[in-house]
Amino acid sequence: TGEDRGVSSNFVVVPVSRCSGTTTDNVNYNGIVNDGSGQYGYAYNQTCTFVIYPSFATPIQLTFHSFQIKSPSTLKVYDGPNAIGPLVATLSGSSLPASVTSGWGAMTLVLTTSGSEIGSGFNATWASEPSYHCSGEVVMQ
């Protein structure tokens, strides 16, 4: 609350948890991934990396529920646990993208935002299954 020359105003400061750096989930076989901005839109000039890499997972399917990444900002999706794997998709715009599936049990998303346009960001769910493999020899008698 502030007062100046007989005028008063009330305001609330709302903390915004936007993406920053690298976020990794190497435990869960399904979950939610988003840019972290909620209703406020993503921040200018950010590069945020989201790594989905559960142990012994089947290919990961990423399904978008909301999407607005204004060009020249992009969301790039890579097949693998880092951004040197094959590029699966480069996404921007306001249309809801089709689901994206990795070739194996890891996926990396890189959100790169510009300094000119802010969109509302993205919200997606991802899913995979545990895929346990035996190693060695099993002898049955």
C-alpha atoms as a PDB file:
ATOM      1  CA  THR A   1       0.000   0.000   0.000  1.00  0.00           C
ATOM      2  CA  GLY A   2       1.363   3.448  -0.883  1.00  0.00           C
ATOM      3  CA  GLU A   3       0.150   6.996  -0.361  1.00  0.00           C
ATOM      4  CA  ASP A   4       1.155  10.153  -2.218  1.00  0.00           C
ATOM      5  CA  ARG A   5      -0.711  13.488  -2.227  1.00  0.00           C
ATOM      6  CA  GLY A   6      -3.925  12.011  -0.938  1.00  0.00           C
ATOM      7  CA  VAL A   7      -3.969   9.169  -3.442  1.00  0.00           C
ATOM      8  CA  SER A   8      -3.723   5.651  -2.103  1.00  0.00           C
ATOM      9  CA  SER A   9      -3.144   2.432  -3.985  1.00  0.00           C
ATOM     10  CA  ASN A  10      -3.026  -1.241  -3.130  1.00  0.00           C
ATOM     11  CA  PHE A  11      -0.923  -3.750  -5.002  1.00  0.00           C
ATOM     12  CA  VAL A  12       0.251  -7.299  -4.603  1.00  0.00           C
ATOM     13  CA  VAL A  13       3.611  -8.564  -5.769  1.00  0.00           C
ATOM     14  CA  VAL A  14       3.223 -11.997  -7.309  1.00  0.00           C
ATOM     15  CA  PRO A  15       6.408 -14.052  -7.579  1.00  0.00           C
ATOM     16  CA  VAL A  16       6.830 -15.630 -11.005  1.00  0.00           C
ATOM     17  CA  SER A  17       8.866 -18.805 -11.325  1.00  0.00           C
ATOM     18  CA  ARG A  18      10.099 -18.717 -14.892  1.00  0.00           C
ATOM     19  CA  CYS A  19      12.434 -21.187 -16.456  1.00  0.00           C
ATOM     20  CA  SER A  20      16.153 -20.763 -16.065  1.00  0.00           C
ATOM     21  CA  GLY A  21      19.095 -23.009 -16.791  1.00  0.00           C
ATOM     22  CA  THR A  22      18.530 -26.757 -17.040  1.00  0.00           C
ATOM     23  CA  THR A  23      15.767 -28.787 -15.412  1.00  0.00           C
ATOM     24  CA  THR A  24      16.145 -32.583 -15.452  1.00  0.00           C
ATOM     25  CA  ASP A  25      13.664 -35.327 -14.586  1.00  0.00           C
ATOM     26  CA  ASN A  26      15.416 -38.688 -14.525  1.00  0.00           C
ATOM     27  CA  VAL A  27      13.021 -40.430 -12.139  1.00  0.00           C
ATOM     28  CA  ASN A  28       9.437 -40.241 -13.384  1.00  0.00           C
ATOM     29  CA  TYR A  29       7.995 -42.124 -16.350  1.00  0.00           C
ATOM     30  CA  ASN A  30       5.389 -39.416 -16.929  1.00  0.00           C
ATOM     31  CA  GLY A  31       4.910 -35.817 -15.920  1.00  0.00           C
ATOM     32  CA  ILE A  32       4.240 -32.208 -16.815  1.00  0.00           C
ATOM     33  CA  VAL A  33       6.692 -29.843 -18.464  1.00  0.00           C
ATOM     34  CA  ASN A  34       6.128 -26.142 -19.078  1.00  0.00           C
ATOM     35  CA  ASP A  35       8.010 -22.874 -19.339  1.00  0.00           C
ATOM     36  CA  GLY A  36       7.145 -21.990 -15.729  1.00  0.00           C
ATOM     37  CA  SER A  37       5.579 -18.628 -16.464  1.00  0.00           C
ATOM     38  CA  GLY A  38       1.971 -19.436 -15.656  1.00  0.00           C
ATOM     39  CA  GLN A  39      -0.324 -16.646 -16.867  1.00  0.00           C
ATOM     40  CA  TYR A  40       2.486 -14.095 -17.196  1.00  0.00           C
ATOM     41  CA  GLY A  41       4.288 -15.265 -20.360  1.00  0.00           C
ATOM     42  CA  TYR A  42       7.870 -16.336 -20.667  1.00  0.00           C
ATOM     43  CA  ALA A  43      10.738 -13.915 -20.024  1.00  0.00           C
ATOM     44  CA  TYR A  44      12.807 -12.084 -22.643  1.00  0.00           C
ATOM     45  CA  ASN A  45      16.201 -13.396 -23.763  1.00  0.00           C
ATOM     46  CA  GLN A  46      16.131 -16.752 -21.978  1.00  0.00           C
ATOM     47  CA  THR A  47      17.520 -20.147 -22.867  1.00  0.00           C
ATOM     48  CA  CYS A  48      16.005 -22.921 -20.806  1.00  0.00           C
ATOM     49  CA  THR A  49      16.659 -26.638 -21.180  1.00  0.00           C
ATOM     50  CA  PHE A  50      14.313 -29.384 -20.002  1.00  0.00           C
ATOM     51  CA  VAL A  51      15.750 -32.924 -19.992  1.00  0.00           C
ATOM     52  CA  ILE A  52      13.427 -35.916 -19.669  1.00  0.00           C
ATOM     53  CA  TYR A  53      15.535 -39.023 -19.086  1.00  0.00           C
ATOM     54  CA  PRO A  54      13.970 -41.667 -16.815  1.00  0.00           C
ATOM     55  CA  SER A  55      16.034 -44.801 -16.232  1.00  0.00           C
ATOM     56  CA  PHE A  56      15.264 -47.710 -18.565  1.00  0.00           C
ATOM     57  CA  ALA A  57      12.381 -45.891 -20.287  1.00  0.00           C
ATOM     58  CA  THR A  58      10.631 -46.648 -23.566  1.00  0.00           C
ATOM     59  CA  PRO A  59      10.336 -43.838 -26.152  1.00  0.00           C
ATOM     60  CA  ILE A  60       8.805 -40.680 -24.695  1.00  0.00           C
ATOM     61  CA  GLN A  61       5.648 -39.106 -26.101  1.00  0.00           C
ATOM     62  CA  LEU A  62       5.242 -35.363 -25.555  1.00  0.00           C
ATOM     63  CA  THR A  63       1.684 -33.984 -25.868  1.00  0.00           C
ATOM     64  CA  PHE A  64       1.017 -30.240 -25.879  1.00  0.00           C
ATOM     65  CA  HIS A  65      -2.018 -28.808 -24.074  1.00  0.00           C
ATOM     66  CA  SER A  66      -1.291 -25.121 -24.656  1.00  0.00           C
ATOM     67  CA  PHE A  67       1.275 -23.444 -26.877  1.00  0.00           C
ATOM     68  CA  GLN A  68       2.217 -19.889 -27.819  1.00  0.00           C
ATOM     69  CA  ILE A  69       5.871 -19.284 -28.637  1.00  0.00           C
ATOM     70  CA  LYS A  70       6.080 -16.091 -30.690  1.00  0.00           C
ATOM     71  CA  SER A  71       8.670 -16.007 -33.473  1.00  0.00           C
ATOM     72  CA  PRO A  72      11.630 -15.547 -33.444  1.00  0.00           C
ATOM     73  CA  SER A  73      11.511 -17.491 -30.126  1.00  0.00           C
ATOM     74  CA  THR A  74      11.558 -21.276 -30.543  1.00  0.00           C
ATOM     75  CA  LEU A  75      11.052 -24.512 -28.661  1.00  0.00           C
ATOM     76  CA  LYS A  76      13.374 -27.188 -30.062  1.00  0.00           C
ATOM     77  CA  VAL A  77      12.857 -30.866 -29.268  1.00  0.00           C
ATOM     78  CA  TYR A  78      15.822 -33.256 -29.458  1.00  0.00           C
ATOM     79  CA  ASP A  79      15.875 -37.045 -29.395  1.00  0.00           C
ATOM     80  CA  GLY A  80      18.192 -37.857 -26.502  1.00  0.00           C
ATOM     81  CA  PRO A  81      19.445 -36.588 -23.149  1.00  0.00           C
ATOM     82  CA  ASN A  82      21.022 -33.406 -24.537  1.00  0.00           C
ATOM     83  CA  ALA A  83      20.812 -30.899 -27.381  1.00  0.00           C
ATOM     84  CA  ILE A  84      23.360 -32.718 -29.535  1.00  0.00           C
ATOM     85  CA  GLY A  85      20.952 -35.554 -30.316  1.00  0.00           C
ATOM     86  CA  PRO A  86      18.888 -35.515 -33.507  1.00  0.00           C
ATOM     87  CA  LEU A  87      16.565 -32.503 -33.785  1.00  0.00           C
ATOM     88  CA  VAL A  88      12.988 -33.822 -33.856  1.00  0.00           C
ATOM     89  CA  ALA A  89      11.060 -30.530 -34.062  1.00  0.00           C
ATOM     90  CA  THR A  90      11.480 -26.752 -34.080  1.00  0.00           C
ATOM     91  CA  LEU A  91       8.260 -25.178 -32.851  1.00  0.00           C
ATOM     92  CA  SER A  92       6.892 -21.635 -32.725  1.00  0.00           C
ATOM     93  CA  GLY A  93       3.547 -19.940 -33.298  1.00  0.00           C
ATOM     94  CA  SER A  94       0.142 -20.204 -31.668  1.00  0.00           C
ATOM     95  CA  SER A  95      -1.174 -23.460 -33.128  1.00  0.00           C
ATOM     96  CA  LEU A  96      -1.136 -26.499 -30.880  1.00  0.00           C
ATOM     97  CA  PRO A  97       1.644 -28.759 -32.216  1.00  0.00           C
ATOM     98  CA  ALA A  98       1.123 -32.441 -32.878  1.00  0.00           C
ATOM     99  CA  SER A  99       2.527 -34.872 -30.310  1.00  0.00           C
ATOM    100  CA  VAL A 100       6.259 -35.527 -30.560  1.00  0.00           C
ATOM    101  CA  THR A 101       7.834 -38.919 -29.832  1.00  0.00           C
ATOM    102  CA  SER A 102      11.479 -39.635 -29.116  1.00  0.00           C
ATOM    103  CA  GLY A 103      13.251 -42.572 -30.735  1.00  0.00           C
ATOM    104  CA  TRP A 104      14.321 -43.885 -27.350  1.00  0.00           C
ATOM    105  CA  GLY A 105      13.852 -43.152 -23.631  1.00  0.00           C
ATOM    106  CA  ALA A 106      15.184 -39.591 -23.501  1.00  0.00           C
ATOM    107  CA  MET A 107      14.068 -36.198 -24.786  1.00  0.00           C
ATOM    108  CA  THR A 108      15.497 -32.677 -24.471  1.00  0.00           C
ATOM    109  CA  LEU A 109      13.526 -29.459 -24.963  1.00  0.00           C
ATOM    110  CA  VAL A 110      15.310 -26.127 -25.433  1.00  0.00           C
ATOM    111  CA  LEU A 111      13.268 -22.924 -25.164  1.00  0.00           C
ATOM    112  CA  THR A 112      15.106 -19.920 -26.614  1.00  0.00           C
ATOM    113  CA  THR A 113      13.264 -16.616 -26.247  1.00  0.00           C
ATOM    114  CA  SER A 114      13.932 -13.358 -28.042  1.00  0.00           C
ATOM    115  CA  GLY A 115      13.942  -9.816 -26.762  1.00  0.00           C
ATOM    116  CA  SER A 116      11.082  -8.678 -28.971  1.00  0.00           C
ATOM    117  CA  GLU A 117       7.928 -10.764 -28.506  1.00  0.00           C
ATOM    118  CA  ILE A 118       6.491 -12.534 -25.469  1.00  0.00           C
ATOM    119  CA  GLY A 119       4.040 -15.393 -25.769  1.00  0.00           C
ATOM    120  CA  SER A 120       2.151 -17.270 -23.096  1.00  0.00           C
ATOM    121  CA  GLY A 121       4.577 -20.214 -23.363  1.00  0.00           C
ATOM    122  CA  PHE A 122       3.809 -23.907 -23.405  1.00  0.00           C
ATOM    123  CA  ASN A 123       2.324 -26.623 -21.240  1.00  0.00           C
ATOM    124  CA  ALA A 124       2.750 -30.289 -22.096  1.00  0.00           C
ATOM    125  CA  THR A 125       2.594 -33.746 -20.584  1.00  0.00           C
ATOM    126  CA  TRP A 126       4.981 -36.556 -21.343  1.00  0.00           C
ATOM    127  CA  ALA A 127       4.698 -40.288 -20.932  1.00  0.00           C
ATOM    128  CA  SER A 128       6.845 -43.389 -21.264  1.00  0.00           C
ATOM    129  CA  GLU A 129       6.980 -46.825 -19.684  1.00  0.00           C
ATOM    130  CA  PRO A 130       9.701 -48.684 -17.807  1.00  0.00           C
ATOM    131  CA  SER A 131      11.628 -51.006 -20.085  1.00  0.00           C
ATOM    132  CA  TYR A 132      13.756 -53.418 -18.113  1.00  0.00           C
ATOM    133  CA  HIS A 133      16.223 -55.609 -19.955  1.00  0.00           C
ATOM    134  CA  CYS A 134      17.985 -58.656 -18.645  1.00  0.00           C
ATOM    135  CA  SER A 135      21.694 -58.893 -19.069  1.00  0.00           C
ATOM    136  CA  GLY A 136      23.804 -61.987 -18.928  1.00  0.00           C
ATOM    137  CA  GLU A 137      22.701 -65.539 -19.412  1.00  0.00           C
ATOM    138  CA  VAL A 138      19.693 -67.220 -17.831  1.00  0.00           C
ATOM    139  CA  VAL A 139      19.813 -71.016 -17.682  1.00  0.00           C
ATOM    140  CA  MET A 140      16.592 -72.898 -16.987  1.00  0.00           C
ATOM    141  CA  GLN A 141      16.728 -76.605 -16.117  1.00  0.00           C
END
